[in-house]
Amino acid sequence: MYADEQGLAWVRELVDRTVGSRSARIITADVARTYPDSDLMTAEMYDFLAEQWAFEHPGQNSGEREAVELRVHLACSLRTWRVIRKAVIKTLCPEGTAPHTCRVPWCA
């Protein structure tokens, strides 16, 4: 996702709330940031998210936003995982495929 600390906190809270309302448990949740010389992630993989944000917010400064991955490992059934994934995506993009502005640009 392309988020600042506030956006990242919102997504983490969303995931925590969604997982907590199901019979699942978060095993680990960590954030991978883009570092220029890192094999972990490359910023180029997520350039399109920064471009999307710039397109949706013309003339605005992106501030502290950066490309990050929120990696969440759950203890649950595959069926529960699918329900959680669908609920998180629906909250991230409540308008579905209709044109809209993302609060936090993301991809899955």
C-alpha atoms as a PDB file:
ATOM      1  CA  MET A   1       0.000   0.000   0.000  1.00  0.00           C
ATOM      2  CA  TYR A   2       1.025   3.625  -0.308  1.00  0.00           C
ATOM      3  CA  ALA A   3       0.505   5.034   3.167  1.00  0.00           C
ATOM      4  CA  ASP A   4       1.777   7.339   5.849  1.00  0.00           C
ATOM      5  CA  GLU A   5       1.809   6.260   9.510  1.00  0.00           C
ATOM      6  CA  GLN A   6      -1.827   7.321   9.969  1.00  0.00           C
ATOM      7  CA  GLY A   7      -2.969   5.320   6.924  1.00  0.00           C
ATOM      8  CA  LEU A   8      -0.953   2.305   8.003  1.00  0.00           C
ATOM      9  CA  ALA A   9      -2.457   2.498  11.507  1.00  0.00           C
ATOM     10  CA  TRP A  10      -5.961   2.633   9.975  1.00  0.00           C
ATOM     11  CA  VAL A  11      -5.308  -0.493   7.888  1.00  0.00           C
ATOM     12  CA  ARG A  12      -3.756  -2.344  10.850  1.00  0.00           C
ATOM     13  CA  GLU A  13      -6.789  -1.486  12.978  1.00  0.00           C
ATOM     14  CA  LEU A  14      -9.080  -2.632  10.175  1.00  0.00           C
ATOM     15  CA  VAL A  15      -7.277  -5.984   9.976  1.00  0.00           C
ATOM     16  CA  ASP A  16      -7.263  -6.401  13.779  1.00  0.00           C
ATOM     17  CA  ARG A  17     -10.992  -5.630  13.985  1.00  0.00           C
ATOM     18  CA  THR A  18     -11.859  -7.963  11.109  1.00  0.00           C
ATOM     19  CA  VAL A  19      -9.767 -10.833  12.452  1.00  0.00           C
ATOM     20  CA  GLY A  20     -11.123 -10.290  15.974  1.00  0.00           C
ATOM     21  CA  SER A  21     -14.695 -10.639  14.763  1.00  0.00           C
ATOM     22  CA  ARG A  22     -13.949 -14.081  13.279  1.00  0.00           C
ATOM     23  CA  SER A  23     -12.600 -17.293  14.753  1.00  0.00           C
ATOM     24  CA  ALA A  24      -9.028 -16.414  13.793  1.00  0.00           C
ATOM     25  CA  ARG A  25      -5.851 -15.260  15.456  1.00  0.00           C
ATOM     26  CA  ILE A  26      -3.024 -13.077  14.184  1.00  0.00           C
ATOM     27  CA  ILE A  27       0.251 -14.967  14.498  1.00  0.00           C
ATOM     28  CA  THR A  28       2.457 -12.169  13.152  1.00  0.00           C
ATOM     29  CA  ALA A  29       1.849  -8.787  11.576  1.00  0.00           C
ATOM     30  CA  ASP A  30       4.836  -6.875  10.309  1.00  0.00           C
ATOM     31  CA  VAL A  31       5.483  -4.023   7.951  1.00  0.00           C
ATOM     32  CA  ALA A  32       8.024  -4.293   5.137  1.00  0.00           C
ATOM     33  CA  ARG A  33       9.234  -0.945   3.888  1.00  0.00           C
ATOM     34  CA  THR A  34      10.985  -0.198   0.623  1.00  0.00           C
ATOM     35  CA  TYR A  35      14.689   0.339   0.968  1.00  0.00           C
ATOM     36  CA  PRO A  36      16.823   1.266  -2.048  1.00  0.00           C
ATOM     37  CA  ASP A  37      19.395  -1.522  -1.610  1.00  0.00           C
ATOM     38  CA  SER A  38      17.118  -4.176  -0.143  1.00  0.00           C
ATOM     39  CA  ASP A  39      16.151  -7.498  -1.666  1.00  0.00           C
ATOM     40  CA  LEU A  40      13.100  -7.492   0.607  1.00  0.00           C
ATOM     41  CA  MET A  41      11.111  -5.121  -1.587  1.00  0.00           C
ATOM     42  CA  THR A  42      11.768  -2.649  -4.321  1.00  0.00           C
ATOM     43  CA  ALA A  43       9.993   0.671  -4.614  1.00  0.00           C
ATOM     44  CA  GLU A  44       9.595   0.115  -8.348  1.00  0.00           C
ATOM     45  CA  MET A  45       7.162  -2.743  -7.640  1.00  0.00           C
ATOM     46  CA  TYR A  46       4.761  -0.252  -6.120  1.00  0.00           C
ATOM     47  CA  ASP A  47       5.366   2.884  -8.190  1.00  0.00           C
ATOM     48  CA  PHE A  48       1.855   2.609  -9.588  1.00  0.00           C
ATOM     49  CA  LEU A  49       0.382   3.160  -6.108  1.00  0.00           C
ATOM     50  CA  ALA A  50       2.240   6.471  -5.739  1.00  0.00           C
ATOM     51  CA  GLU A  51       1.093   7.412  -9.244  1.00  0.00           C
ATOM     52  CA  GLN A  52      -2.491   6.507  -8.338  1.00  0.00           C
ATOM     53  CA  TRP A  53      -2.352   8.679  -5.212  1.00  0.00           C
ATOM     54  CA  ALA A  54      -0.893  11.603  -7.192  1.00  0.00           C
ATOM     55  CA  PHE A  55      -3.615  11.240  -9.847  1.00  0.00           C
ATOM     56  CA  GLU A  56      -6.381  11.124  -7.233  1.00  0.00           C
ATOM     57  CA  HIS A  57      -4.941  14.065  -5.247  1.00  0.00           C
ATOM     58  CA  PRO A  58      -3.663  16.517  -7.891  1.00  0.00           C
ATOM     59  CA  GLY A  59      -1.399  19.230  -6.570  1.00  0.00           C
ATOM     60  CA  GLN A  60      -1.247  17.777  -3.059  1.00  0.00           C
ATOM     61  CA  ASN A  61       1.996  16.841  -1.376  1.00  0.00           C
ATOM     62  CA  SER A  62       2.242  13.103  -0.628  1.00  0.00           C
ATOM     63  CA  GLY A  63       3.818  13.944   2.714  1.00  0.00           C
ATOM     64  CA  GLU A  64       5.281  10.974   4.543  1.00  0.00           C
ATOM     65  CA  ARG A  65       3.588   8.344   2.371  1.00  0.00           C
ATOM     66  CA  GLU A  66       5.703   5.452   1.187  1.00  0.00           C
ATOM     67  CA  ALA A  67       5.203   2.041  -0.348  1.00  0.00           C
ATOM     68  CA  VAL A  68       4.859  -0.577   2.397  1.00  0.00           C
ATOM     69  CA  GLU A  69       3.622  -4.135   2.723  1.00  0.00           C
ATOM     70  CA  LEU A  70       1.556  -5.168   5.722  1.00  0.00           C
ATOM     71  CA  ARG A  71       2.234  -8.891   6.082  1.00  0.00           C
ATOM     72  CA  VAL A  72      -0.271 -10.669   8.296  1.00  0.00           C
ATOM     73  CA  HIS A  73      -0.085 -14.372   9.123  1.00  0.00           C
ATOM     74  CA  LEU A  74      -3.257 -15.870  10.559  1.00  0.00           C
ATOM     75  CA  ALA A  75      -4.201 -19.036  12.392  1.00  0.00           C
ATOM     76  CA  CYS A  76      -7.543 -20.000  10.893  1.00  0.00           C
ATOM     77  CA  SER A  77      -9.192 -22.193   8.305  1.00  0.00           C
ATOM     78  CA  LEU A  78      -8.915 -21.406   4.605  1.00  0.00           C
ATOM     79  CA  ARG A  79     -12.609 -20.559   4.564  1.00  0.00           C
ATOM     80  CA  THR A  80     -12.185 -18.070   7.426  1.00  0.00           C
ATOM     81  CA  TRP A  81      -9.111 -16.576   5.723  1.00  0.00           C
ATOM     82  CA  ARG A  82     -11.169 -15.982   2.566  1.00  0.00           C
ATOM     83  CA  VAL A  83     -13.956 -14.303   4.561  1.00  0.00           C
ATOM     84  CA  ILE A  84     -11.437 -12.058   6.342  1.00  0.00           C
ATOM     85  CA  ARG A  85      -9.656 -11.173   3.080  1.00  0.00           C
ATOM     86  CA  LYS A  86     -12.957 -10.308   1.398  1.00  0.00           C
ATOM     87  CA  ALA A  87     -14.082  -8.152   4.349  1.00  0.00           C
ATOM     88  CA  VAL A  88     -10.784  -6.234   4.479  1.00  0.00           C
ATOM     89  CA  ILE A  89     -10.821  -5.595   0.717  1.00  0.00           C
ATOM     90  CA  LYS A  90     -14.463  -4.485   0.849  1.00  0.00           C
ATOM     91  CA  THR A  91     -13.613  -1.965   3.586  1.00  0.00           C
ATOM     92  CA  LEU A  92     -10.515  -0.726   1.741  1.00  0.00           C
ATOM     93  CA  CYS A  93     -12.596  -0.278  -1.423  1.00  0.00           C
ATOM     94  CA  PRO A  94     -16.264   0.114  -0.416  1.00  0.00           C
ATOM     95  CA  GLU A  95     -17.236   1.335  -3.895  1.00  0.00           C
ATOM     96  CA  GLY A  96     -15.873  -1.828  -5.529  1.00  0.00           C
ATOM     97  CA  THR A  97     -14.928  -1.284  -9.154  1.00  0.00           C
ATOM     98  CA  ALA A  98     -16.804   2.012  -9.482  1.00  0.00           C
ATOM     99  CA  PRO A  99     -14.552   5.088  -9.897  1.00  0.00           C
ATOM    100  CA  HIS A 100     -13.509   6.445  -6.508  1.00  0.00           C
ATOM    101  CA  THR A 101     -10.585   7.819  -4.522  1.00  0.00           C
ATOM    102  CA  CYS A 102      -8.774   5.354  -2.276  1.00  0.00           C
ATOM    103  CA  ARG A 103      -8.119   6.431   1.295  1.00  0.00           C
ATOM    104  CA  VAL A 104      -4.961   4.302   1.117  1.00  0.00           C
ATOM    105  CA  PRO A 105      -3.967   3.047  -2.353  1.00  0.00           C
ATOM    106  CA  TRP A 106      -3.290  -0.683  -2.150  1.00  0.00           C
ATOM    107  CA  CYS A 107      -3.033  -3.920  -4.059  1.00  0.00           C
ATOM    108  CA  ALA A 108      -3.357  -7.542  -2.988  1.00  0.00           C
END
